[in-house]
Amino acid sequence: VSAHRPVRADAPPPVAATVATGVL
């Protein structure tokens, strides 16, 4: 993943996706 889409420690957290996961 880091080679194709770097995962940054300071990237904005996926708040909307996390809330949507909570709904499911």
PDB file of all heavy atoms in Angstrom:
ATOM      1  N   VAL A   1       0.825  -1.198   0.000  1.00  0.00           N
ATOM      2  CA  VAL A   1       0.000   0.000   0.000  1.00  0.00           C
ATOM      3  C   VAL A   1       0.864   1.255   0.000  1.00  0.00           C
ATOM      4  O   VAL A   1       0.580   2.226  -0.714  1.00  0.00           O
ATOM      5  CB  VAL A   1      -0.947   0.005   1.223  1.00  0.00           C
ATOM      6  CG1 VAL A   1      -1.629   1.348   1.364  1.00  0.00           C
ATOM      7  CG2 VAL A   1      -1.992  -1.095   1.080  1.00  0.00           C
ATOM      8  N   SER A   2       1.924   1.240   0.796  1.00  0.00           N
ATOM      9  CA  SER A   2       2.787   2.424   0.876  1.00  0.00           C
ATOM     10  C   SER A   2       3.486   2.690  -0.447  1.00  0.00           C
ATOM     11  O   SER A   2       3.799   3.842  -0.774  1.00  0.00           O
ATOM     12  CB  SER A   2       3.824   2.239   1.985  1.00  0.00           C
ATOM     13  OG  SER A   2       4.679   1.148   1.694  1.00  0.00           O
ATOM     14  N   ALA A   3       3.706   1.616  -1.225  1.00  0.00           N
ATOM     15  CA  ALA A   3       4.356   1.783  -2.517  1.00  0.00           C
ATOM     16  C   ALA A   3       3.406   2.377  -3.558  1.00  0.00           C
ATOM     17  O   ALA A   3       3.835   3.105  -4.458  1.00  0.00           O
ATOM     18  CB  ALA A   3       4.895   0.443  -3.009  1.00  0.00           C
ATOM     19  N   HIS A   4       2.116   2.058  -3.420  1.00  0.00           N
ATOM     20  CA  HIS A   4       1.136   2.533  -4.408  1.00  0.00           C
ATOM     21  C   HIS A   4       0.311   3.722  -3.899  1.00  0.00           C
ATOM     22  O   HIS A   4      -0.110   4.561  -4.683  1.00  0.00           O
ATOM     23  CB  HIS A   4       0.192   1.383  -4.791  1.00  0.00           C
ATOM     24  CG  HIS A   4       0.856   0.273  -5.524  1.00  0.00           C
ATOM     25  ND1 HIS A   4       1.619  -0.697  -4.885  1.00  0.00           N
ATOM     26  CD2 HIS A   4       0.895  -0.029  -6.839  1.00  0.00           C
ATOM     27  CE1 HIS A   4       2.085  -1.551  -5.793  1.00  0.00           C
ATOM     28  NE2 HIS A   4       1.663  -1.169  -6.978  1.00  0.00           N
ATOM     29  N   ARG A   5       0.045   3.752  -2.601  1.00  0.00           N
ATOM     30  CA  ARG A   5      -0.696   4.880  -1.994  1.00  0.00           C
ATOM     31  C   ARG A   5      -0.158   5.059  -0.587  1.00  0.00           C
ATOM     32  O   ARG A   5      -0.634   4.435   0.341  1.00  0.00           O
ATOM     33  CB  ARG A   5      -2.198   4.598  -1.960  1.00  0.00           C
ATOM     34  CG  ARG A   5      -3.018   5.779  -1.430  1.00  0.00           C
ATOM     35  CD  ARG A   5      -4.505   5.440  -1.418  1.00  0.00           C
ATOM     36  NE  ARG A   5      -4.802   4.341  -0.518  1.00  0.00           N
ATOM     37  CZ  ARG A   5      -5.000   4.492   0.796  1.00  0.00           C
ATOM     38  NH1 ARG A   5      -4.890   5.685   1.353  1.00  0.00           N
ATOM     39  NH2 ARG A   5      -5.284   3.458   1.552  1.00  0.00           N
ATOM     40  N   PRO A   6       0.840   5.907  -0.436  1.00  0.00           N
ATOM     41  CA  PRO A   6       1.490   6.051   0.878  1.00  0.00           C
ATOM     42  C   PRO A   6       0.492   6.321   1.999  1.00  0.00           C
ATOM     43  O   PRO A   6      -0.406   7.151   1.863  1.00  0.00           O
ATOM     44  CB  PRO A   6       2.429   7.253   0.665  1.00  0.00           C
ATOM     45  CG  PRO A   6       2.690   7.273  -0.814  1.00  0.00           C
ATOM     46  CD  PRO A   6       1.413   6.792  -1.446  1.00  0.00           C
ATOM     47  N   VAL A   7       0.639   5.572   3.104  1.00  0.00           N
ATOM     48  CA  VAL A   7      -0.205   5.760   4.280  1.00  0.00           C
ATOM     49  C   VAL A   7       0.535   6.688   5.233  1.00  0.00           C
ATOM     50  O   VAL A   7       1.529   6.307   5.834  1.00  0.00           O
ATOM     51  CB  VAL A   7      -0.513   4.408   4.966  1.00  0.00           C
ATOM     52  CG1 VAL A   7      -1.391   4.641   6.192  1.00  0.00           C
ATOM     53  CG2 VAL A   7      -1.183   3.468   3.986  1.00  0.00           C
ATOM     54  N   ARG A   8       0.047   7.905   5.369  1.00  0.00           N
ATOM     55  CA  ARG A   8       0.712   8.892   6.201  1.00  0.00           C
ATOM     56  C   ARG A   8       0.119   8.900   7.600  1.00  0.00           C
ATOM     57  O   ARG A   8      -1.099   8.853   7.778  1.00  0.00           O
ATOM     58  CB  ARG A   8       0.563  10.280   5.580  1.00  0.00           C
ATOM     59  CG  ARG A   8       1.272  10.452   4.253  1.00  0.00           C
ATOM     60  CD  ARG A   8       0.837  11.740   3.568  1.00  0.00           C
ATOM     61  NE  ARG A   8       0.732  12.841   4.528  1.00  0.00           N
ATOM     62  CZ  ARG A   8      -0.031  13.909   4.318  1.00  0.00           C
ATOM     63  NH1 ARG A   8      -0.772  13.993   3.229  1.00  0.00           N
ATOM     64  NH2 ARG A   8      -0.067  14.875   5.228  1.00  0.00           N
ATOM     65  N   ALA A   9       0.983   8.969   8.584  1.00  0.00           N
ATOM     66  CA  ALA A   9       0.516   8.991   9.966  1.00  0.00           C
ATOM     67  C   ALA A   9      -0.249  10.270  10.286  1.00  0.00           C
ATOM     68  O   ALA A   9      -1.104  10.288  11.174  1.00  0.00           O
ATOM     69  CB  ALA A   9       1.705   8.840  10.917  1.00  0.00           C
ATOM     70  N   ASP A  10       0.046  11.371   9.547  1.00  0.00           N
ATOM     71  CA  ASP A  10      -0.619  12.638   9.810  1.00  0.00           C
ATOM     72  C   ASP A  10      -1.798  12.886   8.869  1.00  0.00           C
ATOM     73  O   ASP A  10      -2.323  14.000   8.804  1.00  0.00           O
ATOM     74  CB  ASP A  10       0.380  13.792   9.699  1.00  0.00           C
ATOM     75  CG  ASP A  10       1.019  13.876   8.307  1.00  0.00           C
ATOM     76  OD1 ASP A  10       0.909  12.894   7.536  1.00  0.00           O
ATOM     77  OD2 ASP A  10       1.625  14.913   8.000  1.00  0.00           O
ATOM     78  N   ALA A  11      -2.232  11.862   8.130  1.00  0.00           N
ATOM     79  CA  ALA A  11      -3.360  12.024   7.217  1.00  0.00           C
ATOM     80  C   ALA A  11      -4.647  12.242   8.001  1.00  0.00           C
ATOM     81  O   ALA A  11      -4.793  11.744   9.125  1.00  0.00           O
ATOM     82  CB  ALA A  11      -3.492  10.786   6.328  1.00  0.00           C
ATOM     83  N   PRO A  12      -5.627  13.000   7.445  1.00  0.00           N
ATOM     84  CA  PRO A  12      -6.897  13.238   8.151  1.00  0.00           C
ATOM     85  C   PRO A  12      -7.613  11.917   8.418  1.00  0.00           C
ATOM     86  O   PRO A  12      -7.673  11.048   7.545  1.00  0.00           O
ATOM     87  CB  PRO A  12      -7.692  14.109   7.169  1.00  0.00           C
ATOM     88  CG  PRO A  12      -6.664  14.728   6.275  1.00  0.00           C
ATOM     89  CD  PRO A  12      -5.567  13.717   6.158  1.00  0.00           C
ATOM     90  N   PRO A  13      -8.158  11.720   9.591  1.00  0.00           N
ATOM     91  CA  PRO A  13      -8.853  10.467   9.910  1.00  0.00           C
ATOM     92  C   PRO A  13     -10.144  10.333   9.103  1.00  0.00           C
ATOM     93  O   PRO A  13     -10.827  11.333   8.854  1.00  0.00           O
ATOM     94  CB  PRO A  13      -9.135  10.587  11.406  1.00  0.00           C
ATOM     95  CG  PRO A  13      -9.163  12.053  11.670  1.00  0.00           C
ATOM     96  CD  PRO A  13      -8.159  12.658  10.733  1.00  0.00           C
ATOM     97  N   PRO A  14     -10.502   9.124   8.693  1.00  0.00           N
ATOM     98  CA  PRO A  14     -11.724   8.911   7.905  1.00  0.00           C
ATOM     99  C   PRO A  14     -12.968   8.925   8.796  1.00  0.00           C
ATOM    100  O   PRO A  14     -13.584   7.883   9.060  1.00  0.00           O
ATOM    101  CB  PRO A  14     -11.484   7.537   7.276  1.00  0.00           C
ATOM    102  CG  PRO A  14     -10.621   6.825   8.266  1.00  0.00           C
ATOM    103  CD  PRO A  14      -9.740   7.882   8.880  1.00  0.00           C
ATOM    104  N   VAL A  15     -13.366  10.113   9.250  1.00  0.00           N
ATOM    105  CA  VAL A  15     -14.459  10.228  10.221  1.00  0.00           C
ATOM    106  C   VAL A  15     -15.779   9.744   9.617  1.00  0.00           C
ATOM    107  O   VAL A  15     -16.507   8.960  10.224  1.00  0.00           O
ATOM    108  CB  VAL A  15     -14.595  11.677  10.715  1.00  0.00           C
ATOM    109  CG1 VAL A  15     -15.752  11.795  11.696  1.00  0.00           C
ATOM    110  CG2 VAL A  15     -13.294  12.140  11.369  1.00  0.00           C
ATOM    111  N   ALA A  16     -16.116  10.229   8.413  1.00  0.00           N
ATOM    112  CA  ALA A  16     -17.397   9.867   7.794  1.00  0.00           C
ATOM    113  C   ALA A  16     -17.488   8.367   7.564  1.00  0.00           C
ATOM    114  O   ALA A  16     -18.527   7.740   7.838  1.00  0.00           O
ATOM    115  CB  ALA A  16     -17.572  10.623   6.480  1.00  0.00           C
ATOM    116  N   ALA A  17     -16.415   7.758   7.081  1.00  0.00           N
ATOM    117  CA  ALA A  17     -16.421   6.318   6.837  1.00  0.00           C
ATOM    118  C   ALA A  17     -16.536   5.542   8.144  1.00  0.00           C
ATOM    119  O   ALA A  17     -17.176   4.487   8.199  1.00  0.00           O
ATOM    120  CB  ALA A  17     -15.144   5.908   6.099  1.00  0.00           C
ATOM    121  N   THR A  18     -15.939   6.068   9.204  1.00  0.00           N
ATOM    122  CA  THR A  18     -16.012   5.400  10.507  1.00  0.00           C
ATOM    123  C   THR A  18     -17.432   5.444  11.061  1.00  0.00           C
ATOM    124  O   THR A  18     -17.941   4.451  11.589  1.00  0.00           O
ATOM    125  CB  THR A  18     -15.035   6.053  11.497  1.00  0.00           C
ATOM    126  OG1 THR A  18     -13.721   6.061  10.940  1.00  0.00           O
ATOM    127  CG2 THR A  18     -15.000   5.291  12.809  1.00  0.00           C
ATOM    128  N   VAL A  19     -18.087   6.601  10.942  1.00  0.00           N
ATOM    129  CA  VAL A  19     -19.478   6.711  11.402  1.00  0.00           C
ATOM    130  C   VAL A  19     -20.386   5.800  10.583  1.00  0.00           C
ATOM    131  O   VAL A  19     -21.268   5.128  11.129  1.00  0.00           O
ATOM    132  CB  VAL A  19     -19.959   8.175  11.318  1.00  0.00           C
ATOM    133  CG1 VAL A  19     -21.446   8.273  11.667  1.00  0.00           C
ATOM    134  CG2 VAL A  19     -19.144   9.062  12.254  1.00  0.00           C
ATOM    135  N   ALA A  20     -20.172   5.756   9.261  1.00  0.00           N
ATOM    136  CA  ALA A  20     -20.974   4.884   8.401  1.00  0.00           C
ATOM    137  C   ALA A  20     -20.772   3.418   8.758  1.00  0.00           C
ATOM    138  O   ALA A  20     -21.728   2.622   8.753  1.00  0.00           O
ATOM    139  CB  ALA A  20     -20.613   5.120   6.935  1.00  0.00           C
ATOM    140  N   THR A  21     -19.547   3.058   9.097  1.00  0.00           N
ATOM    141  CA  THR A  21     -19.276   1.695   9.552  1.00  0.00           C
ATOM    142  C   THR A  21     -20.033   1.400  10.835  1.00  0.00           C
ATOM    143  O   THR A  21     -20.562   0.303  11.028  1.00  0.00           O
ATOM    144  CB  THR A  21     -17.762   1.503   9.771  1.00  0.00           C
ATOM    145  OG1 THR A  21     -17.071   1.726   8.543  1.00  0.00           O
ATOM    146  CG2 THR A  21     -17.459   0.103  10.276  1.00  0.00           C
ATOM    147  N   GLY A  22     -20.097   2.388  11.729  1.00  0.00           N
ATOM    148  CA  GLY A  22     -20.860   2.223  12.957  1.00  0.00           C
ATOM    149  C   GLY A  22     -22.327   1.961  12.684  1.00  0.00           C
ATOM    150  O   GLY A  22     -22.959   1.128  13.361  1.00  0.00           O
ATOM    151  N   VAL A  23     -22.906   2.630  11.688  1.00  0.00           N
ATOM    152  CA  VAL A  23     -24.310   2.404  11.329  1.00  0.00           C
ATOM    153  C   VAL A  23     -24.512   0.955  10.905  1.00  0.00           C
ATOM    154  O   VAL A  23     -25.464   0.281  11.340  1.00  0.00           O
ATOM    155  CB  VAL A  23     -24.741   3.363  10.197  1.00  0.00           C
ATOM    156  CG1 VAL A  23     -26.136   2.991   9.683  1.00  0.00           C
ATOM    157  CG2 VAL A  23     -24.726   4.804  10.687  1.00  0.00           C
ATOM    158  N   LEU A  24     -23.633   0.449  10.048  1.00  0.00           N
ATOM    159  CA  LEU A  24     -23.730  -0.941   9.595  1.00  0.00           C
ATOM    160  C   LEU A  24     -23.612  -1.907  10.760  1.00  0.00           C
ATOM    161  O   LEU A  24     -24.385  -2.873  10.869  1.00  0.00           O
ATOM    162  CB  LEU A  24     -22.637  -1.219   8.557  1.00  0.00           C
ATOM    163  CG  LEU A  24     -22.542  -2.655   8.043  1.00  0.00           C
ATOM    164  CD1 LEU A  24     -23.833  -3.060   7.337  1.00  0.00           C
ATOM    165  CD2 LEU A  24     -21.341  -2.817   7.114  1.00  0.00           C
TER     166      LEU A  24
END
